[in-house]
Amino acid sequence: HLKIAKEECIKATGDASKLRKALHHALQKSSDMMVESEKLLDKRIVSDLFIAYLEREQAEEVLDLLSRMLGFTEQQKRRM
């Protein structure tokens, strides 16, 4: 009985190691996807903001928001 228990323990340890590696891989992939999704911008939002820019007299606020969303540098902001 002791030999069977020891073999089961070794197998369980190996299974746990495989699961830990799979979990680590899944967490890394999820983290990478979150970072990537932060770089994505919904075209509808940009379209609505652009229309607001064209329609509003106080368009400076809209340009400021767009430049922040698009990650403009200070030089790019000055060119606007």
C-alpha atoms as a PDB file:
ATOM      1  CA  HIS A   1       0.000   0.000   0.000  1.00  0.00           C
ATOM      2  CA  LEU A   2       2.849   2.363   0.762  1.00  0.00           C
ATOM      3  CA  LYS A   3       4.351   1.868  -2.715  1.00  0.00           C
ATOM      4  CA  ILE A   4       0.986   2.638  -4.396  1.00  0.00           C
ATOM      5  CA  ALA A   5       0.522   5.769  -2.268  1.00  0.00           C
ATOM      6  CA  LYS A   6       4.055   6.933  -3.121  1.00  0.00           C
ATOM      7  CA  GLU A   7       3.442   6.422  -6.872  1.00  0.00           C
ATOM      8  CA  GLU A   8       0.145   8.309  -6.654  1.00  0.00           C
ATOM      9  CA  CYS A   9       1.895  11.126  -4.806  1.00  0.00           C
ATOM     10  CA  ILE A  10       4.591  11.340  -7.505  1.00  0.00           C
ATOM     11  CA  LYS A  11       1.920  11.367 -10.232  1.00  0.00           C
ATOM     12  CA  ALA A  12      -0.105  14.044  -8.415  1.00  0.00           C
ATOM     13  CA  THR A  13       3.020  16.182  -8.021  1.00  0.00           C
ATOM     14  CA  GLY A  14       3.733  15.904 -11.746  1.00  0.00           C
ATOM     15  CA  ASP A  15       0.125  16.754 -12.603  1.00  0.00           C
ATOM     16  CA  ALA A  16       0.236  19.770 -10.283  1.00  0.00           C
ATOM     17  CA  SER A  17       3.426  20.971 -11.953  1.00  0.00           C
ATOM     18  CA  LYS A  18       1.844  20.702 -15.407  1.00  0.00           C
ATOM     19  CA  LEU A  19      -1.251  22.585 -14.209  1.00  0.00           C
ATOM     20  CA  ARG A  20       0.909  25.295 -12.624  1.00  0.00           C
ATOM     21  CA  LYS A  21       2.770  25.771 -15.919  1.00  0.00           C
ATOM     22  CA  ALA A  22      -0.504  25.911 -17.873  1.00  0.00           C
ATOM     23  CA  LEU A  23      -1.935  28.456 -15.424  1.00  0.00           C
ATOM     24  CA  HIS A  24       1.205  30.583 -15.652  1.00  0.00           C
ATOM     25  CA  HIS A  25       1.027  30.463 -19.470  1.00  0.00           C
ATOM     26  CA  ALA A  26      -2.681  31.422 -19.441  1.00  0.00           C
ATOM     27  CA  LEU A  27      -2.049  34.323 -17.039  1.00  0.00           C
ATOM     28  CA  GLN A  28       0.838  35.584 -19.178  1.00  0.00           C
ATOM     29  CA  LYS A  29      -1.289  35.386 -22.322  1.00  0.00           C
ATOM     30  CA  SER A  30      -4.145  37.201 -20.574  1.00  0.00           C
ATOM     31  CA  SER A  31      -1.776  39.918 -19.379  1.00  0.00           C
ATOM     32  CA  ASP A  32      -0.329  40.326 -22.885  1.00  0.00           C
ATOM     33  CA  MET A  33      -3.841  40.598 -24.336  1.00  0.00           C
ATOM     34  CA  MET A  34      -4.782  43.280 -21.789  1.00  0.00           C
ATOM     35  CA  VAL A  35      -1.713  45.334 -22.658  1.00  0.00           C
ATOM     36  CA  GLU A  36      -2.478  44.981 -26.367  1.00  0.00           C
ATOM     37  CA  SER A  37      -6.140  45.908 -25.925  1.00  0.00           C
ATOM     38  CA  GLU A  38      -5.121  49.170 -24.262  1.00  0.00           C
ATOM     39  CA  LYS A  39      -3.582  50.145 -27.586  1.00  0.00           C
ATOM     40  CA  LEU A  40      -6.825  49.598 -29.492  1.00  0.00           C
ATOM     41  CA  LEU A  41      -9.250  52.440 -30.052  1.00  0.00           C
ATOM     42  CA  ASP A  42     -12.867  52.059 -31.096  1.00  0.00           C
ATOM     43  CA  LYS A  43     -13.412  53.724 -34.470  1.00  0.00           C
ATOM     44  CA  ARG A  44     -16.910  54.808 -33.405  1.00  0.00           C
ATOM     45  CA  ILE A  45     -15.486  56.828 -30.522  1.00  0.00           C
ATOM     46  CA  VAL A  46     -12.983  58.573 -32.783  1.00  0.00           C
ATOM     47  CA  SER A  47     -15.716  59.234 -35.357  1.00  0.00           C
ATOM     48  CA  ASP A  48     -18.013  60.752 -32.729  1.00  0.00           C
ATOM     49  CA  LEU A  49     -15.210  62.920 -31.368  1.00  0.00           C
ATOM     50  CA  PHE A  50     -14.244  64.103 -34.847  1.00  0.00           C
ATOM     51  CA  ILE A  51     -17.851  65.071 -35.582  1.00  0.00           C
ATOM     52  CA  ALA A  52     -18.016  66.865 -32.229  1.00  0.00           C
ATOM     53  CA  TYR A  53     -14.831  68.722 -33.188  1.00  0.00           C
ATOM     54  CA  LEU A  54     -16.385  69.884 -36.457  1.00  0.00           C
ATOM     55  CA  GLU A  55     -19.687  70.899 -34.844  1.00  0.00           C
ATOM     56  CA  ARG A  56     -18.507  72.654 -31.687  1.00  0.00           C
ATOM     57  CA  GLU A  57     -17.243  76.164 -31.293  1.00  0.00           C
ATOM     58  CA  GLN A  58     -15.078  75.078 -28.345  1.00  0.00           C
ATOM     59  CA  ALA A  59     -13.274  72.396 -30.360  1.00  0.00           C
ATOM     60  CA  GLU A  60     -10.018  72.791 -28.397  1.00  0.00           C
ATOM     61  CA  GLU A  61     -11.357  70.439 -25.697  1.00  0.00           C
ATOM     62  CA  VAL A  62     -12.156  67.797 -28.317  1.00  0.00           C
ATOM     63  CA  LEU A  63      -8.701  68.113 -29.882  1.00  0.00           C
ATOM     64  CA  ASP A  64      -7.094  67.777 -26.461  1.00  0.00           C
ATOM     65  CA  LEU A  65      -9.087  64.631 -25.728  1.00  0.00           C
ATOM     66  CA  LEU A  66      -8.281  63.129 -29.131  1.00  0.00           C
ATOM     67  CA  SER A  67      -4.584  63.868 -28.746  1.00  0.00           C
ATOM     68  CA  ARG A  68      -4.505  62.158 -25.329  1.00  0.00           C
ATOM     69  CA  MET A  69      -6.433  59.134 -26.604  1.00  0.00           C
ATOM     70  CA  LEU A  70      -4.108  58.786 -29.585  1.00  0.00           C
ATOM     71  CA  GLY A  71      -0.979  59.260 -27.473  1.00  0.00           C
ATOM     72  CA  PHE A  72       0.314  62.327 -29.310  1.00  0.00           C
ATOM     73  CA  THR A  73       3.715  63.701 -28.399  1.00  0.00           C
ATOM     74  CA  GLU A  74       4.049  67.338 -27.332  1.00  0.00           C
ATOM     75  CA  GLN A  75       5.361  68.193 -30.789  1.00  0.00           C
ATOM     76  CA  GLN A  76       2.335  66.576 -32.441  1.00  0.00           C
ATOM     77  CA  LYS A  77      -0.009  68.459 -30.082  1.00  0.00           C
ATOM     78  CA  ARG A  78       1.622  71.786 -31.011  1.00  0.00           C
ATOM     79  CA  ARG A  79       1.159  71.005 -34.712  1.00  0.00           C
ATOM     80  CA  MET A  80      -2.574  70.576 -34.168  1.00  0.00           C
END
